[in-house]
N, C-alpha and C. Protein backbone atom coordinates (compact mmCIF):
# COMPACT_ATOMS: atom_id res chain seq x y z
N MET A 1 120.88 87.15 95.52
CA MET A 1 121.01 88.17 96.56
C MET A 1 120.48 87.63 97.88
N THR A 2 121.24 87.79 98.92
CA THR A 2 120.80 87.36 100.24
C THR A 2 120.05 88.50 100.94
N ILE A 3 119.37 88.16 102.04
CA ILE A 3 118.70 89.17 102.84
C ILE A 3 119.69 90.23 103.30
N GLN A 4 120.89 89.80 103.68
CA GLN A 4 121.90 90.72 104.19
C GLN A 4 122.38 91.69 103.12
N GLU A 5 122.28 91.31 101.87
CA GLU A 5 122.74 92.16 100.78
C GLU A 5 121.70 93.20 100.34
N LEU A 6 120.49 93.09 100.85
CA LEU A 6 119.46 94.05 100.48
C LEU A 6 119.74 95.42 101.09
N PRO A 7 119.36 96.49 100.43
CA PRO A 7 119.49 97.83 101.04
C PRO A 7 118.49 97.97 102.18
N PRO A 8 118.58 99.03 102.98
CA PRO A 8 117.61 99.24 104.06
C PRO A 8 116.18 99.27 103.52
N ILE A 9 115.27 98.61 104.21
CA ILE A 9 113.88 98.48 103.78
C ILE A 9 112.99 99.19 104.78
N ASP A 10 112.19 100.14 104.31
CA ASP A 10 111.30 100.89 105.19
C ASP A 10 110.02 100.11 105.50
N PHE A 11 109.42 99.52 104.46
CA PHE A 11 108.19 98.76 104.68
C PHE A 11 108.06 97.69 103.60
N VAL A 12 107.29 96.67 103.92
CA VAL A 12 107.05 95.55 103.01
C VAL A 12 105.54 95.36 102.88
N VAL A 13 105.03 95.24 101.66
CA VAL A 13 103.63 94.87 101.46
C VAL A 13 103.56 93.41 101.06
N ILE A 14 102.62 92.69 101.64
CA ILE A 14 102.42 91.27 101.38
C ILE A 14 101.12 91.08 100.61
N SER A 15 101.18 90.34 99.51
CA SER A 15 99.98 90.14 98.70
C SER A 15 99.08 89.05 99.26
N HIS A 16 99.68 87.91 99.70
CA HIS A 16 98.89 86.80 100.23
C HIS A 16 99.84 85.80 100.88
N ASN A 17 99.29 84.75 101.44
CA ASN A 17 100.10 83.90 102.30
C ASN A 17 100.58 82.59 101.67
N HIS A 18 100.46 82.43 100.35
CA HIS A 18 101.01 81.22 99.73
C HIS A 18 102.52 81.17 99.94
N TYR A 19 103.07 79.98 99.99
CA TYR A 19 104.46 79.80 100.40
C TYR A 19 105.46 80.47 99.45
N ASP A 20 105.12 80.59 98.17
CA ASP A 20 106.05 81.24 97.25
C ASP A 20 105.95 82.75 97.30
N HIS A 21 105.10 83.29 98.16
CA HIS A 21 104.97 84.74 98.30
C HIS A 21 105.18 85.23 99.73
N LEU A 22 105.16 84.33 100.69
CA LEU A 22 105.35 84.70 102.09
C LEU A 22 106.26 83.63 102.71
N ASP A 23 107.54 83.92 102.72
CA ASP A 23 108.55 82.95 103.14
C ASP A 23 108.93 83.16 104.60
N HIS A 24 108.76 82.13 105.39
CA HIS A 24 108.99 82.22 106.84
C HIS A 24 110.42 82.64 107.16
N LYS A 25 111.39 82.04 106.50
CA LYS A 25 112.79 82.34 106.77
C LYS A 25 113.12 83.80 106.45
N ALA A 26 112.62 84.30 105.33
CA ALA A 26 112.89 85.68 104.94
C ALA A 26 112.26 86.66 105.93
N VAL A 27 111.04 86.35 106.36
CA VAL A 27 110.37 87.23 107.33
C VAL A 27 111.16 87.27 108.64
N LYS A 28 111.60 86.11 109.11
CA LYS A 28 112.36 86.05 110.36
C LYS A 28 113.67 86.83 110.25
N GLU A 29 114.33 86.73 109.09
CA GLU A 29 115.61 87.43 108.92
C GLU A 29 115.42 88.94 108.88
N LEU A 30 114.37 89.40 108.23
CA LEU A 30 114.12 90.84 108.18
C LEU A 30 113.62 91.36 109.53
N GLY A 31 112.86 90.53 110.23
CA GLY A 31 112.44 90.86 111.58
C GLY A 31 111.57 92.10 111.65
N ASN A 32 111.76 92.89 112.70
CA ASN A 32 110.93 94.06 112.95
C ASN A 32 111.54 95.36 112.41
N LYS A 33 112.61 95.24 111.64
CA LYS A 33 113.22 96.47 111.09
C LYS A 33 112.29 97.16 110.11
N PRO A 34 111.71 96.44 109.13
CA PRO A 34 110.72 97.12 108.29
C PRO A 34 109.33 97.03 108.91
N LEU A 35 108.45 97.91 108.49
CA LEU A 35 107.02 97.79 108.80
C LEU A 35 106.41 96.81 107.81
N TRP A 36 105.70 95.82 108.30
CA TRP A 36 105.01 94.85 107.45
C TRP A 36 103.57 95.32 107.28
N VAL A 37 103.15 95.53 106.03
CA VAL A 37 101.77 95.94 105.74
C VAL A 37 101.09 94.76 105.07
N VAL A 38 100.09 94.18 105.74
CA VAL A 38 99.57 92.87 105.34
C VAL A 38 98.05 92.90 105.25
N PRO A 39 97.46 92.02 104.45
CA PRO A 39 96.00 91.92 104.42
C PRO A 39 95.46 91.37 105.73
N GLN A 40 94.20 91.63 105.99
CA GLN A 40 93.56 91.16 107.21
C GLN A 40 93.66 89.63 107.32
N GLY A 41 93.83 89.16 108.56
CA GLY A 41 93.85 87.73 108.81
C GLY A 41 95.23 87.14 109.01
N HIS A 42 96.28 87.98 108.96
CA HIS A 42 97.66 87.49 109.10
C HIS A 42 98.27 87.76 110.48
N LYS A 43 97.49 88.32 111.38
CA LYS A 43 98.02 88.74 112.68
C LYS A 43 98.70 87.59 113.42
N SER A 44 98.01 86.47 113.57
CA SER A 44 98.56 85.37 114.37
C SER A 44 99.81 84.79 113.72
N TRP A 45 99.86 84.74 112.39
CA TRP A 45 101.04 84.19 111.72
C TRP A 45 102.25 85.06 111.96
N PHE A 46 102.10 86.37 111.81
CA PHE A 46 103.24 87.27 112.04
C PHE A 46 103.66 87.27 113.50
N GLU A 47 102.71 87.20 114.40
CA GLU A 47 103.08 87.12 115.81
C GLU A 47 103.83 85.83 116.11
N SER A 48 103.49 84.73 115.42
CA SER A 48 104.22 83.48 115.62
C SER A 48 105.66 83.57 115.12
N CYS A 49 105.93 84.55 114.25
CA CYS A 49 107.30 84.80 113.77
C CYS A 49 108.01 85.85 114.62
N ASP A 50 107.40 86.22 115.74
CA ASP A 50 107.94 87.26 116.63
C ASP A 50 107.99 88.63 115.95
N ILE A 51 107.06 88.86 115.03
CA ILE A 51 106.96 90.15 114.36
C ILE A 51 105.84 90.95 115.02
N SER A 52 106.18 92.13 115.52
CA SER A 52 105.19 93.03 116.12
C SER A 52 105.00 94.30 115.32
N ASN A 53 105.94 94.61 114.43
CA ASN A 53 105.89 95.83 113.64
C ASN A 53 105.12 95.59 112.35
N PHE A 54 103.80 95.43 112.49
CA PHE A 54 102.97 95.17 111.31
C PHE A 54 101.62 95.86 111.48
N VAL A 55 100.95 96.05 110.36
CA VAL A 55 99.60 96.59 110.36
C VAL A 55 98.77 95.78 109.36
N GLU A 56 97.54 95.44 109.73
CA GLU A 56 96.63 94.70 108.86
C GLU A 56 95.64 95.69 108.23
N LEU A 57 95.38 95.51 106.94
CA LEU A 57 94.43 96.37 106.24
C LEU A 57 93.43 95.53 105.47
N GLY A 58 92.20 96.01 105.39
CA GLY A 58 91.19 95.44 104.50
C GLY A 58 91.19 96.19 103.19
N TRP A 59 90.50 95.66 102.19
CA TRP A 59 90.43 96.31 100.89
C TRP A 59 89.91 97.74 101.02
N TRP A 60 90.58 98.64 100.35
CA TRP A 60 90.31 100.08 100.30
C TRP A 60 90.74 100.81 101.57
N ASP A 61 91.31 100.11 102.55
CA ASP A 61 91.88 100.79 103.70
C ASP A 61 93.20 101.47 103.31
N GLN A 62 93.53 102.52 104.05
CA GLN A 62 94.78 103.25 103.81
C GLN A 62 95.59 103.32 105.10
N TYR A 63 96.91 103.45 104.93
CA TYR A 63 97.77 103.60 106.11
C TYR A 63 98.90 104.55 105.75
N PRO A 64 99.14 105.59 106.59
CA PRO A 64 100.23 106.52 106.29
C PRO A 64 101.57 105.96 106.74
N ILE A 65 102.48 105.79 105.81
CA ILE A 65 103.85 105.38 106.15
C ILE A 65 104.59 106.54 106.81
N ASN A 66 104.40 107.73 106.24
CA ASN A 66 104.94 108.96 106.82
C ASN A 66 104.10 110.11 106.27
N ASP A 67 104.57 111.32 106.42
CA ASP A 67 103.78 112.48 105.98
C ASP A 67 103.64 112.54 104.45
N ASN A 68 104.50 111.82 103.75
CA ASN A 68 104.54 111.95 102.29
C ASN A 68 104.08 110.71 101.53
N VAL A 69 103.98 109.57 102.20
CA VAL A 69 103.68 108.31 101.52
C VAL A 69 102.59 107.56 102.29
N LYS A 70 101.62 107.03 101.56
CA LYS A 70 100.62 106.15 102.16
C LYS A 70 100.48 104.90 101.30
N VAL A 71 100.02 103.82 101.92
CA VAL A 71 99.72 102.60 101.19
C VAL A 71 98.23 102.34 101.25
N MET A 72 97.71 101.72 100.19
CA MET A 72 96.29 101.38 100.11
C MET A 72 96.18 99.91 99.75
N ALA A 73 95.40 99.16 100.52
CA ALA A 73 95.09 97.77 100.18
C ALA A 73 93.93 97.78 99.20
N LEU A 74 94.12 97.10 98.08
CA LEU A 74 93.12 97.11 97.02
C LEU A 74 92.70 95.69 96.65
N PRO A 75 91.54 95.52 96.05
CA PRO A 75 91.07 94.17 95.70
C PRO A 75 91.88 93.56 94.57
N CYS A 76 91.82 92.25 94.48
CA CYS A 76 92.24 91.48 93.32
C CYS A 76 91.52 90.14 93.43
N GLN A 77 91.75 89.25 92.49
CA GLN A 77 91.03 87.98 92.48
C GLN A 77 92.01 86.83 92.70
N HIS A 78 92.07 86.36 93.93
CA HIS A 78 92.98 85.25 94.23
C HIS A 78 92.41 84.45 95.40
N TRP A 79 93.27 83.91 96.27
CA TRP A 79 92.81 83.12 97.41
C TRP A 79 93.97 82.97 98.38
N SER A 80 93.68 82.46 99.56
CA SER A 80 94.71 82.27 100.57
C SER A 80 94.68 80.84 101.09
N LYS A 81 95.84 80.33 101.45
CA LYS A 81 95.93 78.99 102.05
C LYS A 81 97.35 78.80 102.56
N ARG A 82 97.47 78.54 103.85
CA ARG A 82 98.79 78.31 104.43
C ARG A 82 98.93 76.87 104.92
N THR A 83 97.81 76.26 105.30
CA THR A 83 97.81 74.88 105.77
C THR A 83 96.71 74.12 105.05
N ALA A 84 96.51 72.87 105.43
CA ALA A 84 95.48 72.05 104.79
C ALA A 84 94.07 72.47 105.20
N PHE A 85 93.95 73.33 106.22
CA PHE A 85 92.63 73.59 106.79
C PHE A 85 92.27 75.07 106.89
N ASP A 86 92.97 75.94 106.17
CA ASP A 86 92.70 77.38 106.36
C ASP A 86 92.43 78.11 105.05
N ASP A 87 91.81 77.45 104.10
CA ASP A 87 91.45 78.10 102.84
C ASP A 87 90.60 79.35 103.12
N PHE A 88 90.99 80.49 102.51
CA PHE A 88 90.21 81.72 102.52
C PHE A 88 90.05 82.33 103.92
N GLU A 89 90.86 81.91 104.89
CA GLU A 89 90.73 82.49 106.23
C GLU A 89 91.49 83.80 106.38
N ALA A 90 92.42 84.07 105.47
CA ALA A 90 93.13 85.35 105.44
C ALA A 90 92.82 86.04 104.11
N LEU A 91 92.87 87.35 104.13
CA LEU A 91 92.59 88.12 102.92
C LEU A 91 93.83 88.17 102.03
N TRP A 92 93.65 88.46 100.77
CA TRP A 92 94.71 88.71 99.80
C TRP A 92 94.48 90.12 99.26
N ALA A 93 95.46 90.70 98.62
CA ALA A 93 95.30 92.10 98.20
C ALA A 93 96.28 92.46 97.11
N SER A 94 95.93 93.47 96.35
CA SER A 94 96.90 94.23 95.57
C SER A 94 97.14 95.53 96.33
N TRP A 95 98.14 96.30 95.90
CA TRP A 95 98.54 97.46 96.71
C TRP A 95 98.85 98.68 95.85
N ALA A 96 98.46 99.84 96.36
CA ALA A 96 98.90 101.11 95.79
C ALA A 96 99.81 101.79 96.82
N ILE A 97 100.92 102.30 96.34
CA ILE A 97 101.83 103.10 97.17
C ILE A 97 101.79 104.51 96.59
N VAL A 98 101.29 105.45 97.38
CA VAL A 98 100.97 106.77 96.86
C VAL A 98 101.82 107.82 97.57
N GLY A 99 102.61 108.53 96.80
CA GLY A 99 103.40 109.64 97.29
C GLY A 99 103.48 110.69 96.20
N SER A 100 104.67 111.18 95.92
CA SER A 100 104.82 112.10 94.80
C SER A 100 104.57 111.38 93.48
N LYS A 101 104.74 110.04 93.48
CA LYS A 101 104.38 109.17 92.36
C LYS A 101 103.44 108.10 92.89
N LYS A 102 102.76 107.41 91.97
CA LYS A 102 101.87 106.32 92.34
C LYS A 102 102.41 105.01 91.77
N VAL A 103 102.55 104.02 92.66
CA VAL A 103 103.05 102.70 92.27
C VAL A 103 101.96 101.67 92.59
N TYR A 104 101.77 100.72 91.67
CA TYR A 104 100.77 99.66 91.87
C TYR A 104 101.44 98.30 91.83
N PHE A 105 101.11 97.45 92.80
CA PHE A 105 101.59 96.08 92.87
C PHE A 105 100.37 95.16 92.83
N ALA A 106 100.22 94.39 91.74
CA ALA A 106 99.00 93.62 91.55
C ALA A 106 98.94 92.35 92.37
N GLY A 107 100.09 91.86 92.88
CA GLY A 107 100.09 90.58 93.57
C GLY A 107 99.78 89.45 92.61
N ASP A 108 99.24 88.35 93.12
CA ASP A 108 98.73 87.26 92.30
C ASP A 108 97.26 87.52 92.03
N THR A 109 96.82 87.32 90.81
CA THR A 109 95.42 87.62 90.53
C THR A 109 94.95 87.00 89.23
N GLY A 110 93.66 86.65 89.20
CA GLY A 110 92.96 86.43 87.95
C GLY A 110 92.40 87.76 87.47
N TYR A 111 91.87 87.76 86.26
CA TYR A 111 91.32 89.02 85.73
C TYR A 111 89.89 89.22 86.21
N CYS A 112 89.56 90.46 86.58
CA CYS A 112 88.20 90.81 86.98
C CYS A 112 88.00 92.31 86.76
N ASP A 113 86.76 92.74 86.83
CA ASP A 113 86.43 94.15 86.55
C ASP A 113 86.93 95.11 87.61
N THR A 114 87.40 94.59 88.75
CA THR A 114 87.86 95.48 89.81
C THR A 114 89.03 96.35 89.37
N PHE A 115 89.78 95.91 88.35
CA PHE A 115 90.92 96.71 87.89
C PHE A 115 90.45 98.01 87.23
N LYS A 116 89.31 97.97 86.57
CA LYS A 116 88.75 99.20 86.01
C LYS A 116 88.38 100.15 87.14
N GLU A 117 87.80 99.60 88.23
CA GLU A 117 87.45 100.42 89.39
C GLU A 117 88.69 101.03 90.03
N ILE A 118 89.76 100.23 90.16
CA ILE A 118 91.01 100.74 90.72
C ILE A 118 91.55 101.87 89.86
N GLY A 119 91.48 101.70 88.54
CA GLY A 119 91.93 102.76 87.64
C GLY A 119 91.15 104.05 87.83
N ARG A 120 89.83 103.92 87.98
CA ARG A 120 88.98 105.11 88.16
C ARG A 120 89.23 105.77 89.51
N GLU A 121 89.34 104.96 90.58
CA GLU A 121 89.38 105.50 91.93
C GLU A 121 90.78 105.91 92.39
N VAL A 122 91.81 105.22 91.90
CA VAL A 122 93.15 105.46 92.42
C VAL A 122 94.14 105.87 91.32
N GLY A 123 93.93 105.40 90.09
CA GLY A 123 94.86 105.69 89.00
C GLY A 123 94.80 107.15 88.57
N PRO A 124 95.60 107.50 87.59
CA PRO A 124 96.57 106.65 86.87
C PRO A 124 97.81 106.39 87.72
N PHE A 125 98.55 105.32 87.35
CA PHE A 125 99.76 104.94 88.07
C PHE A 125 101.00 105.25 87.23
N ASP A 126 102.04 105.71 87.91
CA ASP A 126 103.30 105.99 87.22
C ASP A 126 104.07 104.70 86.93
N LEU A 127 103.98 103.73 87.83
CA LEU A 127 104.69 102.47 87.66
C LEU A 127 103.87 101.35 88.28
N SER A 128 103.76 100.23 87.55
CA SER A 128 102.97 99.10 88.03
C SER A 128 103.74 97.80 87.87
N PHE A 129 103.50 96.88 88.79
CA PHE A 129 104.08 95.54 88.72
C PHE A 129 102.94 94.55 88.56
N ILE A 130 102.90 93.89 87.40
CA ILE A 130 101.75 93.07 87.01
C ILE A 130 102.23 91.67 86.66
N PRO A 131 101.58 90.61 87.19
CA PRO A 131 102.01 89.25 86.86
C PRO A 131 101.75 88.91 85.40
N ILE A 132 102.64 88.10 84.80
CA ILE A 132 102.47 87.69 83.41
C ILE A 132 102.60 86.17 83.23
N GLY A 133 102.94 85.43 84.29
CA GLY A 133 103.21 84.01 84.13
C GLY A 133 102.35 83.11 84.99
N ALA A 134 102.57 81.79 84.84
CA ALA A 134 101.84 80.74 85.58
C ALA A 134 100.36 80.73 85.20
N TYR A 135 100.07 80.53 83.90
CA TYR A 135 98.70 80.68 83.42
C TYR A 135 98.12 79.47 82.68
N GLU A 136 98.88 78.43 82.46
CA GLU A 136 98.35 77.26 81.73
C GLU A 136 98.22 76.05 82.66
N PRO A 137 97.17 75.21 82.47
CA PRO A 137 96.06 75.32 81.51
C PRO A 137 95.04 76.35 81.96
N ARG A 138 94.44 77.03 81.01
CA ARG A 138 93.57 78.16 81.33
C ARG A 138 92.32 77.74 82.10
N ASP A 139 91.77 76.56 81.82
CA ASP A 139 90.54 76.18 82.51
C ASP A 139 90.76 76.02 84.02
N ILE A 140 92.00 75.75 84.43
CA ILE A 140 92.32 75.63 85.85
C ILE A 140 92.85 76.95 86.41
N MET A 141 93.73 77.60 85.66
CA MET A 141 94.45 78.75 86.20
C MET A 141 93.74 80.08 85.99
N CYS A 142 92.77 80.14 85.11
CA CYS A 142 92.13 81.42 84.78
C CYS A 142 91.58 82.17 85.99
N PRO A 143 90.92 81.51 86.95
CA PRO A 143 90.37 82.27 88.08
C PRO A 143 91.42 82.91 88.98
N GLN A 144 92.67 82.41 88.93
CA GLN A 144 93.65 82.87 89.91
C GLN A 144 94.90 83.51 89.33
N HIS A 145 95.20 83.25 88.04
CA HIS A 145 96.39 83.82 87.41
C HIS A 145 96.04 84.35 86.02
N VAL A 146 96.43 85.58 85.74
CA VAL A 146 96.20 86.15 84.41
C VAL A 146 97.20 85.61 83.41
N ASP A 147 96.81 85.58 82.14
CA ASP A 147 97.75 85.33 81.06
C ASP A 147 98.22 86.68 80.51
N PRO A 148 99.22 86.72 79.62
CA PRO A 148 99.75 88.01 79.16
C PRO A 148 98.72 88.93 78.52
N ASP A 149 97.73 88.36 77.81
CA ASP A 149 96.68 89.22 77.24
C ASP A 149 95.93 89.95 78.34
N GLN A 150 95.61 89.24 79.41
CA GLN A 150 94.90 89.86 80.53
C GLN A 150 95.81 90.80 81.32
N SER A 151 97.11 90.49 81.35
CA SER A 151 98.06 91.39 82.00
C SER A 151 98.04 92.76 81.33
N VAL A 152 98.03 92.74 79.99
CA VAL A 152 97.97 94.00 79.25
C VAL A 152 96.65 94.71 79.52
N GLN A 153 95.56 93.95 79.65
CA GLN A 153 94.28 94.58 79.94
C GLN A 153 94.29 95.25 81.31
N ILE A 154 94.95 94.62 82.30
CA ILE A 154 95.10 95.27 83.61
C ILE A 154 95.89 96.57 83.46
N HIS A 155 96.98 96.52 82.70
CA HIS A 155 97.80 97.71 82.43
C HIS A 155 96.92 98.85 81.90
N VAL A 156 96.01 98.52 81.00
CA VAL A 156 95.10 99.52 80.43
C VAL A 156 94.06 99.96 81.46
N ASP A 157 93.48 98.99 82.15
CA ASP A 157 92.40 99.29 83.10
C ASP A 157 92.85 100.23 84.21
N ILE A 158 94.03 100.00 84.75
CA ILE A 158 94.48 100.81 85.89
C ILE A 158 95.15 102.11 85.45
N GLN A 159 95.22 102.31 84.14
CA GLN A 159 95.82 103.52 83.55
C GLN A 159 97.29 103.65 83.97
N SER A 160 98.04 102.58 83.72
CA SER A 160 99.45 102.56 84.09
C SER A 160 100.29 103.19 82.99
N LYS A 161 101.15 104.11 83.36
CA LYS A 161 102.03 104.74 82.38
C LYS A 161 103.19 103.81 82.01
N LYS A 162 103.65 103.02 82.99
CA LYS A 162 104.76 102.09 82.76
C LYS A 162 104.52 100.87 83.64
N SER A 163 104.62 99.68 83.05
CA SER A 163 104.41 98.45 83.81
C SER A 163 105.60 97.52 83.63
N VAL A 164 105.82 96.70 84.66
CA VAL A 164 106.89 95.70 84.64
C VAL A 164 106.24 94.33 84.88
N GLY A 165 106.56 93.37 84.02
CA GLY A 165 106.03 92.02 84.17
C GLY A 165 106.75 91.28 85.28
N MET A 166 105.98 90.62 86.15
CA MET A 166 106.55 89.85 87.25
C MET A 166 105.87 88.48 87.28
N HIS A 167 106.24 87.66 88.26
CA HIS A 167 105.64 86.34 88.48
C HIS A 167 105.84 85.42 87.27
N TRP A 168 107.10 85.31 86.88
CA TRP A 168 107.45 84.39 85.80
C TRP A 168 108.94 84.04 85.95
N GLY A 169 109.33 82.91 85.41
CA GLY A 169 110.75 82.59 85.27
C GLY A 169 111.48 82.22 86.54
N THR A 170 110.77 82.01 87.65
CA THR A 170 111.44 81.68 88.91
C THR A 170 111.10 80.26 89.35
N PHE A 171 109.82 79.98 89.50
CA PHE A 171 109.37 78.63 89.84
C PHE A 171 108.61 78.05 88.64
N ILE A 172 108.80 76.77 88.36
CA ILE A 172 108.00 76.10 87.34
C ILE A 172 106.70 75.65 88.02
N LEU A 173 105.65 76.43 87.83
CA LEU A 173 104.40 76.21 88.53
C LEU A 173 103.33 75.60 87.63
N THR A 174 103.40 75.87 86.34
CA THR A 174 102.30 75.53 85.44
C THR A 174 102.85 74.98 84.13
N ASP A 175 101.97 74.80 83.13
CA ASP A 175 102.32 74.03 81.94
C ASP A 175 103.04 74.81 80.85
N GLU A 176 102.92 76.14 80.83
CA GLU A 176 103.61 76.89 79.76
C GLU A 176 105.12 76.84 79.98
N HIS A 177 105.87 76.99 78.89
CA HIS A 177 107.33 77.03 79.00
C HIS A 177 107.72 78.20 79.89
N ILE A 178 108.73 78.00 80.72
CA ILE A 178 109.09 79.02 81.73
C ILE A 178 109.50 80.34 81.09
N LEU A 179 109.95 80.32 79.83
CA LEU A 179 110.39 81.56 79.16
C LEU A 179 109.34 82.11 78.19
N GLU A 180 108.15 81.50 78.16
CA GLU A 180 107.11 81.93 77.22
C GLU A 180 106.45 83.27 77.57
N PRO A 181 106.19 83.57 78.86
CA PRO A 181 105.41 84.78 79.18
C PRO A 181 105.91 86.07 78.54
N PRO A 182 107.23 86.39 78.53
CA PRO A 182 107.64 87.64 77.89
C PRO A 182 107.33 87.67 76.40
N GLN A 183 107.42 86.52 75.73
CA GLN A 183 107.10 86.47 74.30
C GLN A 183 105.62 86.75 74.08
N LYS A 184 104.77 86.14 74.89
CA LYS A 184 103.33 86.36 74.78
C LYS A 184 102.97 87.79 75.15
N LEU A 185 103.69 88.37 76.09
CA LEU A 185 103.43 89.76 76.47
C LEU A 185 103.71 90.70 75.30
N ALA A 186 104.82 90.49 74.62
CA ALA A 186 105.15 91.34 73.46
C ALA A 186 104.08 91.23 72.38
N GLN A 187 103.58 90.02 72.16
CA GLN A 187 102.51 89.83 71.17
C GLN A 187 101.24 90.54 71.59
N ALA A 188 100.91 90.46 72.88
CA ALA A 188 99.69 91.10 73.38
C ALA A 188 99.78 92.62 73.27
N MET A 189 100.94 93.18 73.56
CA MET A 189 101.12 94.63 73.41
C MET A 189 100.95 95.05 71.97
N GLN A 190 101.49 94.27 71.06
CA GLN A 190 101.38 94.58 69.63
C GLN A 190 99.93 94.51 69.18
N GLN A 191 99.20 93.50 69.65
CA GLN A 191 97.79 93.36 69.28
C GLN A 191 96.94 94.52 69.80
N GLN A 192 97.32 95.06 70.95
CA GLN A 192 96.60 96.20 71.52
C GLN A 192 97.05 97.52 70.92
N GLY A 193 98.09 97.49 70.10
CA GLY A 193 98.61 98.71 69.49
C GLY A 193 99.32 99.62 70.46
N LEU A 194 99.93 99.03 71.49
CA LEU A 194 100.62 99.82 72.52
C LEU A 194 102.12 99.75 72.32
N PRO A 195 102.84 100.82 72.64
CA PRO A 195 104.30 100.81 72.52
C PRO A 195 104.93 99.76 73.42
N ASP A 196 105.94 99.07 72.93
CA ASP A 196 106.60 98.02 73.69
C ASP A 196 107.15 98.53 75.02
N ASP A 197 107.63 99.76 75.05
CA ASP A 197 108.29 100.26 76.26
C ASP A 197 107.31 100.68 77.36
N GLN A 198 106.00 100.55 77.10
CA GLN A 198 105.02 100.81 78.17
C GLN A 198 104.92 99.67 79.15
N PHE A 199 105.24 98.45 78.71
CA PHE A 199 105.11 97.26 79.55
C PHE A 199 106.34 96.39 79.27
N ILE A 200 107.28 96.41 80.19
CA ILE A 200 108.57 95.78 79.93
C ILE A 200 108.77 94.55 80.82
N VAL A 201 109.75 93.76 80.45
CA VAL A 201 110.21 92.64 81.27
C VAL A 201 111.71 92.81 81.44
N VAL A 202 112.19 92.74 82.67
CA VAL A 202 113.62 92.84 82.91
C VAL A 202 114.20 91.45 83.13
N LYS A 203 115.46 91.27 82.74
CA LYS A 203 116.13 90.01 82.99
C LYS A 203 116.36 89.85 84.49
N HIS A 204 116.54 88.63 84.93
CA HIS A 204 116.78 88.39 86.36
C HIS A 204 118.06 89.09 86.78
N GLY A 205 117.94 89.94 87.79
CA GLY A 205 119.09 90.69 88.27
C GLY A 205 119.36 91.98 87.53
N GLU A 206 118.59 92.25 86.48
CA GLU A 206 118.82 93.46 85.68
C GLU A 206 118.22 94.69 86.35
N THR A 207 118.84 95.81 86.15
CA THR A 207 118.33 97.10 86.60
C THR A 207 117.92 97.92 85.38
N SER A 208 116.72 98.48 85.43
CA SER A 208 116.24 99.35 84.36
C SER A 208 116.06 100.75 84.89
N THR A 209 116.56 101.72 84.15
CA THR A 209 116.43 103.12 84.55
C THR A 209 115.52 103.89 83.62
N ASN A 210 114.87 103.21 82.67
CA ASN A 210 114.01 103.90 81.70
C ASN A 210 112.63 104.17 82.29
């Protein structure tokens, strides 16, 4: 799907500034039509892309999209880096979109107790997007990427009614087989005694209405 084929976009939330999550060409093509909601520290980068329709938020900050919908920047465990010399100079975030329903976007993250806090303070969530891939070897990836067992724990911690696995099957980033994460997710759900349809994985390009 090209940028031109996308439906109208009201706003975009950005998790962090790594190249596989913040693409310069895509941002330029979308331009100022959507509102960009970004973590603190991204102002100069967006201005360098000629983007003025953006707002920066720190963790636990809120911003009203309209009278019915607000977004909240929430903590997660990751890091930022856009060049060789700017480690940790911009913030990273997970996001809650709160309206008649509550949606959670975890971004990139390692596992930490903050998800229990998010569940208590903002949950339960009707729909959540939680990463399930890019986790091996664990001694290197554990601080920044969850494995499927931890993905399921996030699902439980934030009190998600329905979750969708993301961050897998697109780029070969780590040592696990590119198609392994959904298999490990199914095993983790079974071990937790949770119904399979609470945490699903969709095929690339697939639409789910369940």
